[in-house]
Amino acid sequence: MAFEHILTELKEGVAYLTLNRAPLNWLNIEMMEEIDAYLESLLKEKALKLLVIQATGKAFSVGAEVADHLGDLGPKMIAAFHKMFRLMDKVGVPSIAVVNGSALGGGCELALYCDMVLATEKTKFGQPEIQVGVFPPIAALILPRIMGRKKAMELILAGETISAQEALSLGLINKIVPEASLSQEVEAFVAKFTKLSGIVLKMAREAALAGLNDDLDKGLRNIEQIYLDKLMKTHDATEGLKAFLEKRKPTWKNE
């Protein structure tokens, strides 16, 4: 299966999905659809034990293409984007994000949705969507679950970025590793799981998330409705996105 915007490899029960739209790995609709297609292909891999998501370039991903939020593209973008997370859950194996460089917006959501995260010391995490007049649906779903409501509200509502060290202190990532030895650190971390039973790993993950993810899909459907049927019909959502594309400050009307 050949892709334009991602690289893939399957070896020793580990699926490696590499974002390859350097330097910043903006997630456009075509790239999301490629990710969806690859994840769907993993559903038939009975020996799969682990999914590793990583990236080329100087950023893990700075988010979804802003232009893809507007007009008729908005619903298509949300469908393709959210399908990634639904498919990650459907594949069901433990997932690891390897983050070297900024993970912002949709890129932050993709990294933090993974079950485990390794990050280098230079990594920054953030959900800046609020600053361009929208909100991050996946972050709204998962951040209060994995880090507590108070700090999650601050990150979602202020749109500020945090360092890898702060992300570690908040329980958002597992480990900070030196950039110089990143590949060796990833190999050693992955090896902890490849020696185990794939089916048992999958069931242990399912059990660990059984309470935490109760009605997760229902929650995401509710968030999608707010995003598409309410948020994207406001003046300020369109104004914020257009202002970003036009490289100017938005003029909010609070309507």
Protein backbone atom coordinates (compact mmCIF):
# COMPACT_ATOMS: atom_id res chain seq x y z
CA MET A 1 0.00 0.00 0.00
CA ALA A 2 1.68 3.21 -1.22
CA PHE A 3 1.03 6.57 0.44
CA GLU A 4 2.07 10.15 -0.32
CA HIS A 5 1.99 11.70 3.15
CA ILE A 6 2.83 8.85 5.53
CA LEU A 7 5.40 6.06 5.79
CA THR A 8 4.45 2.65 7.13
CA GLU A 9 6.29 -0.44 8.29
CA LEU A 10 5.15 -3.63 9.96
CA LYS A 11 7.77 -5.72 11.71
CA GLU A 12 7.81 -8.16 14.63
CA GLY A 13 4.20 -7.39 15.50
CA VAL A 14 4.75 -3.61 15.59
CA ALA A 15 3.07 -1.24 13.12
CA TYR A 16 5.05 1.96 12.57
CA LEU A 17 3.06 4.89 11.17
CA THR A 18 5.27 7.88 10.35
CA LEU A 19 3.83 11.30 9.52
CA ASN A 20 5.81 12.40 6.47
CA ARG A 21 4.63 15.84 5.44
CA ALA A 22 7.73 17.67 6.63
CA PRO A 23 8.72 20.04 7.96
CA LEU A 24 5.61 20.67 10.11
CA ASN A 25 3.34 17.73 9.23
CA TRP A 26 0.17 19.75 8.79
CA LEU A 27 -2.65 17.22 8.75
CA ASN A 28 -4.64 17.84 5.58
CA ILE A 29 -7.66 15.78 4.61
CA GLU A 30 -5.66 13.63 2.18
CA MET A 31 -3.12 12.79 4.88
CA MET A 32 -5.88 11.93 7.37
CA GLU A 33 -7.50 9.65 4.80
CA GLU A 34 -4.17 7.88 4.28
CA ILE A 35 -3.83 7.37 8.03
CA ASP A 36 -7.39 6.02 8.12
CA ALA A 37 -6.66 3.62 5.26
CA TYR A 38 -3.54 2.30 6.96
CA LEU A 39 -5.28 1.85 10.30
CA GLU A 40 -8.11 0.00 8.56
CA SER A 41 -5.54 -2.32 6.98
CA LEU A 42 -4.25 -3.19 10.46
CA LEU A 43 -7.62 -4.63 11.46
CA LYS A 44 -6.74 -7.85 9.65
CA GLU A 45 -3.29 -8.19 11.28
CA LYS A 46 -3.93 -10.89 13.87
CA ALA A 47 -0.33 -10.88 15.12
CA LEU A 48 -0.26 -7.14 15.75
CA LYS A 49 0.99 -6.19 19.23
CA LEU A 50 1.71 -2.48 19.11
CA LEU A 51 1.13 0.71 17.10
CA VAL A 52 3.88 3.34 17.05
CA ILE A 53 3.10 6.81 15.65
CA GLN A 54 6.07 9.04 14.89
CA ALA A 55 7.09 11.77 12.42
CA THR A 56 9.77 13.10 10.14
CA GLY A 57 10.67 16.79 10.05
CA LYS A 58 11.13 19.35 12.80
CA ALA A 59 7.66 18.93 14.33
CA PHE A 60 5.54 15.93 15.20
CA SER A 61 2.56 17.83 13.79
CA VAL A 62 1.34 21.40 14.20
CA GLY A 63 -2.27 20.38 13.59
CA ALA A 64 -4.98 20.13 10.99
CA GLU A 65 -4.78 22.40 7.95
CA VAL A 66 -6.66 25.57 8.90
CA ALA A 67 -8.20 25.95 5.43
CA ASP A 68 -9.76 22.48 5.79
CA HIS A 69 -11.93 23.77 8.65
CA LEU A 70 -13.86 26.17 6.43
CA GLY A 71 -16.98 25.79 4.30
CA ASP A 72 -17.92 22.40 2.93
CA LEU A 73 -14.50 21.00 3.89
CA GLY A 74 -15.24 21.28 7.62
CA PRO A 75 -17.52 18.24 7.98
CA LYS A 76 -15.25 16.20 5.69
CA MET A 77 -12.20 17.15 7.74
CA ILE A 78 -13.87 16.32 11.06
CA ALA A 79 -15.07 12.97 9.71
CA ALA A 80 -11.61 11.99 8.45
CA PHE A 81 -9.87 13.31 11.58
CA HIS A 82 -12.14 11.63 14.09
CA LYS A 83 -12.09 8.40 12.11
CA MET A 84 -8.39 8.12 13.00
CA PHE A 85 -9.19 7.90 16.70
CA ARG A 86 -12.14 5.58 16.24
CA LEU A 87 -9.92 3.27 14.19
CA MET A 88 -7.13 3.39 16.79
CA ASP A 89 -9.65 2.11 19.32
CA LYS A 90 -10.98 -0.47 16.87
CA VAL A 91 -7.47 -1.80 16.14
CA GLY A 92 -7.25 -2.12 19.90
CA VAL A 93 -3.53 -2.67 20.44
CA PRO A 94 -1.49 -0.44 22.74
CA SER A 95 -0.26 2.69 20.98
CA ILE A 96 2.88 4.77 21.52
CA ALA A 97 3.49 8.28 20.21
CA VAL A 98 7.11 9.29 19.63
CA VAL A 99 7.22 13.10 19.72
CA ASN A 100 10.26 15.13 18.72
CA GLY A 101 9.36 18.77 18.19
CA SER A 102 6.07 20.59 18.51
CA ALA A 103 2.79 18.71 18.86
CA LEU A 104 0.08 21.32 18.49
CA GLY A 105 -3.64 21.29 17.77
CA GLY A 106 -4.64 18.10 16.01
CA GLY A 107 -1.04 16.91 16.29
CA CYS A 108 -1.20 17.23 20.06
CA GLU A 109 -4.51 15.38 20.08
CA LEU A 110 -3.06 12.55 17.98
CA ALA A 111 -0.04 12.22 20.27
CA LEU A 112 -1.93 12.40 23.55
CA TYR A 113 -4.67 10.03 22.39
CA CYS A 114 -2.02 7.31 22.21
CA ASP A 115 -1.81 5.09 25.26
CA MET A 116 1.80 6.08 25.91
CA VAL A 117 4.03 8.97 24.81
CA LEU A 118 7.79 9.37 24.57
CA ALA A 119 9.00 12.92 23.97
CA THR A 120 12.32 14.69 23.61
CA GLU A 121 13.27 17.58 25.85
CA LYS A 122 12.62 20.13 23.08
CA THR A 123 9.00 19.06 22.56
CA LYS A 124 6.13 21.48 23.13
CA PHE A 125 2.49 20.48 23.50
CA GLY A 126 -0.50 22.73 23.05
CA GLN A 127 -4.10 23.20 21.90
CA PRO A 128 -4.08 26.71 20.36
CA GLU A 129 -7.41 26.27 18.53
CA ILE A 130 -9.25 28.70 20.80
CA GLN A 131 -7.00 31.50 19.53
CA VAL A 132 -8.36 31.09 16.00
CA GLY A 133 -11.99 30.82 17.06
CA VAL A 134 -12.56 27.08 17.40
CA PHE A 135 -11.96 24.37 20.01
CA PRO A 136 -10.19 20.97 19.93
CA PRO A 137 -12.84 18.20 19.96
CA ILE A 138 -10.55 15.29 20.79
CA ALA A 139 -8.79 17.25 23.53
CA ALA A 140 -12.20 18.19 24.95
CA LEU A 141 -12.98 14.48 25.09
CA ILE A 142 -9.76 13.10 26.53
CA LEU A 143 -7.87 15.76 28.47
CA PRO A 144 -10.32 15.97 31.41
CA ARG A 145 -10.16 12.16 31.58
CA ILE A 146 -6.38 11.82 31.62
CA MET A 147 -5.20 14.88 33.55
CA GLY A 148 -8.12 16.23 35.54
CA ARG A 149 -10.68 18.90 34.78
CA LYS A 150 -8.94 22.01 36.16
CA LYS A 151 -5.71 21.95 34.16
CA ALA A 152 -7.50 20.51 31.13
CA MET A 153 -9.79 23.54 31.14
CA GLU A 154 -6.78 25.86 31.25
CA LEU A 155 -5.07 24.18 28.33
CA ILE A 156 -8.22 24.05 26.18
CA LEU A 157 -9.56 27.51 27.06
CA ALA A 158 -6.29 29.50 27.09
CA GLY A 159 -4.64 27.73 24.17
CA GLU A 160 -1.14 28.01 25.61
CA THR A 161 1.72 25.59 24.99
CA ILE A 162 3.54 23.64 27.66
CA SER A 163 6.99 22.08 27.80
CA ALA A 164 7.75 18.38 27.79
CA GLN A 165 8.71 18.68 31.45
CA GLU A 166 5.33 20.16 32.39
CA ALA A 167 3.56 17.53 30.27
CA LEU A 168 5.45 14.87 32.22
CA SER A 169 4.47 16.41 35.55
CA LEU A 170 0.82 16.44 34.45
CA GLY A 171 0.89 12.77 33.49
CA LEU A 172 0.41 13.47 29.78
CA ILE A 173 3.59 11.69 28.71
CA ASN A 174 5.54 8.71 30.00
CA LYS A 175 9.14 9.74 29.57
CA ILE A 176 11.43 12.49 28.32
CA VAL A 177 14.33 11.11 26.30
CA PRO A 178 17.41 12.76 24.75
CA GLU A 179 16.97 13.62 21.09
CA ALA A 180 20.41 12.18 20.34
CA SER A 181 19.41 8.71 21.53
CA LEU A 182 15.74 8.82 20.54
CA SER A 183 15.82 5.80 18.23
CA GLN A 184 17.54 3.65 20.86
CA GLU A 185 15.10 4.79 23.55
CA VAL A 186 12.15 3.94 21.32
CA GLU A 187 13.59 0.54 20.49
CA ALA A 188 14.11 -0.25 24.19
CA PHE A 189 10.62 0.94 25.13
CA VAL A 190 8.97 -1.03 22.34
CA ALA A 191 10.92 -4.15 23.32
CA LYS A 192 9.14 -4.20 26.70
CA PHE A 193 5.92 -5.07 24.87
CA THR A 194 6.99 -7.17 21.89
CA LYS A 195 8.11 -10.00 24.20
CA LEU A 196 4.54 -10.30 25.51
CA SER A 197 1.41 -11.92 24.11
CA GLY A 198 -0.36 -9.70 21.60
CA ILE A 199 -3.85 -10.93 22.48
CA VAL A 200 -3.21 -10.49 26.19
CA LEU A 201 -1.85 -6.97 25.62
CA LYS A 202 -4.98 -6.12 23.67
CA MET A 203 -7.29 -7.45 26.37
CA ALA A 204 -5.32 -5.79 29.15
CA ARG A 205 -5.61 -2.47 27.34
CA GLU A 206 -9.34 -3.02 26.87
CA ALA A 207 -9.75 -3.75 30.58
CA ALA A 208 -7.70 -0.72 31.64
CA LEU A 209 -9.88 1.56 29.51
CA ALA A 210 -13.21 -0.14 30.24
CA GLY A 211 -14.25 2.38 32.87
CA LEU A 212 -12.30 5.38 31.61
CA ASN A 213 -13.68 5.18 28.09
CA ASP A 214 -17.27 4.38 29.03
CA ASP A 215 -19.52 5.87 26.32
CA LEU A 216 -16.50 7.45 24.61
CA ASP A 217 -18.05 7.27 21.16
CA LYS A 218 -21.27 8.80 22.45
CA GLY A 219 -19.24 11.61 23.99
CA LEU A 220 -17.41 12.21 20.71
CA ARG A 221 -20.69 12.30 18.77
CA ASN A 222 -21.99 14.97 21.16
CA ILE A 223 -18.81 17.01 20.73
CA GLU A 224 -19.02 16.69 16.95
CA GLN A 225 -22.58 18.04 17.04
CA ILE A 226 -21.50 21.06 19.08
CA TYR A 227 -18.54 21.66 16.76
CA LEU A 228 -20.32 21.31 13.40
CA ASP A 229 -23.88 22.43 14.20
CA LYS A 230 -23.16 25.23 16.66
CA LEU A 231 -19.54 26.41 16.65
CA MET A 232 -19.03 26.44 12.87
CA LYS A 233 -22.23 28.47 12.38
CA THR A 234 -20.89 31.37 14.46
CA HIS A 235 -19.30 34.48 12.99
CA ASP A 236 -16.26 34.22 15.24
CA ALA A 237 -15.27 30.69 14.21
CA THR A 238 -15.12 31.66 10.54
CA GLU A 239 -13.48 35.00 11.37
CA GLY A 240 -10.75 33.38 13.48
CA LEU A 241 -9.85 30.81 10.84
CA LYS A 242 -9.86 33.35 8.02
CA ALA A 243 -7.75 35.77 10.06
CA PHE A 244 -5.16 33.05 10.58
CA LEU A 245 -5.02 32.30 6.86
CA GLU A 246 -4.84 36.02 6.03
CA LYS A 247 -2.13 36.59 8.67
CA ARG A 248 -4.06 39.25 10.60
CA LYS A 249 -5.62 39.63 14.02
CA PRO A 250 -9.25 38.43 14.23
CA THR A 251 -12.06 40.85 14.95
CA TRP A 252 -14.35 39.08 17.38
CA LYS A 253 -18.07 39.91 17.46
CA ASN A 254 -18.94 37.34 20.14
CA GLU A 255 -21.62 35.96 17.86
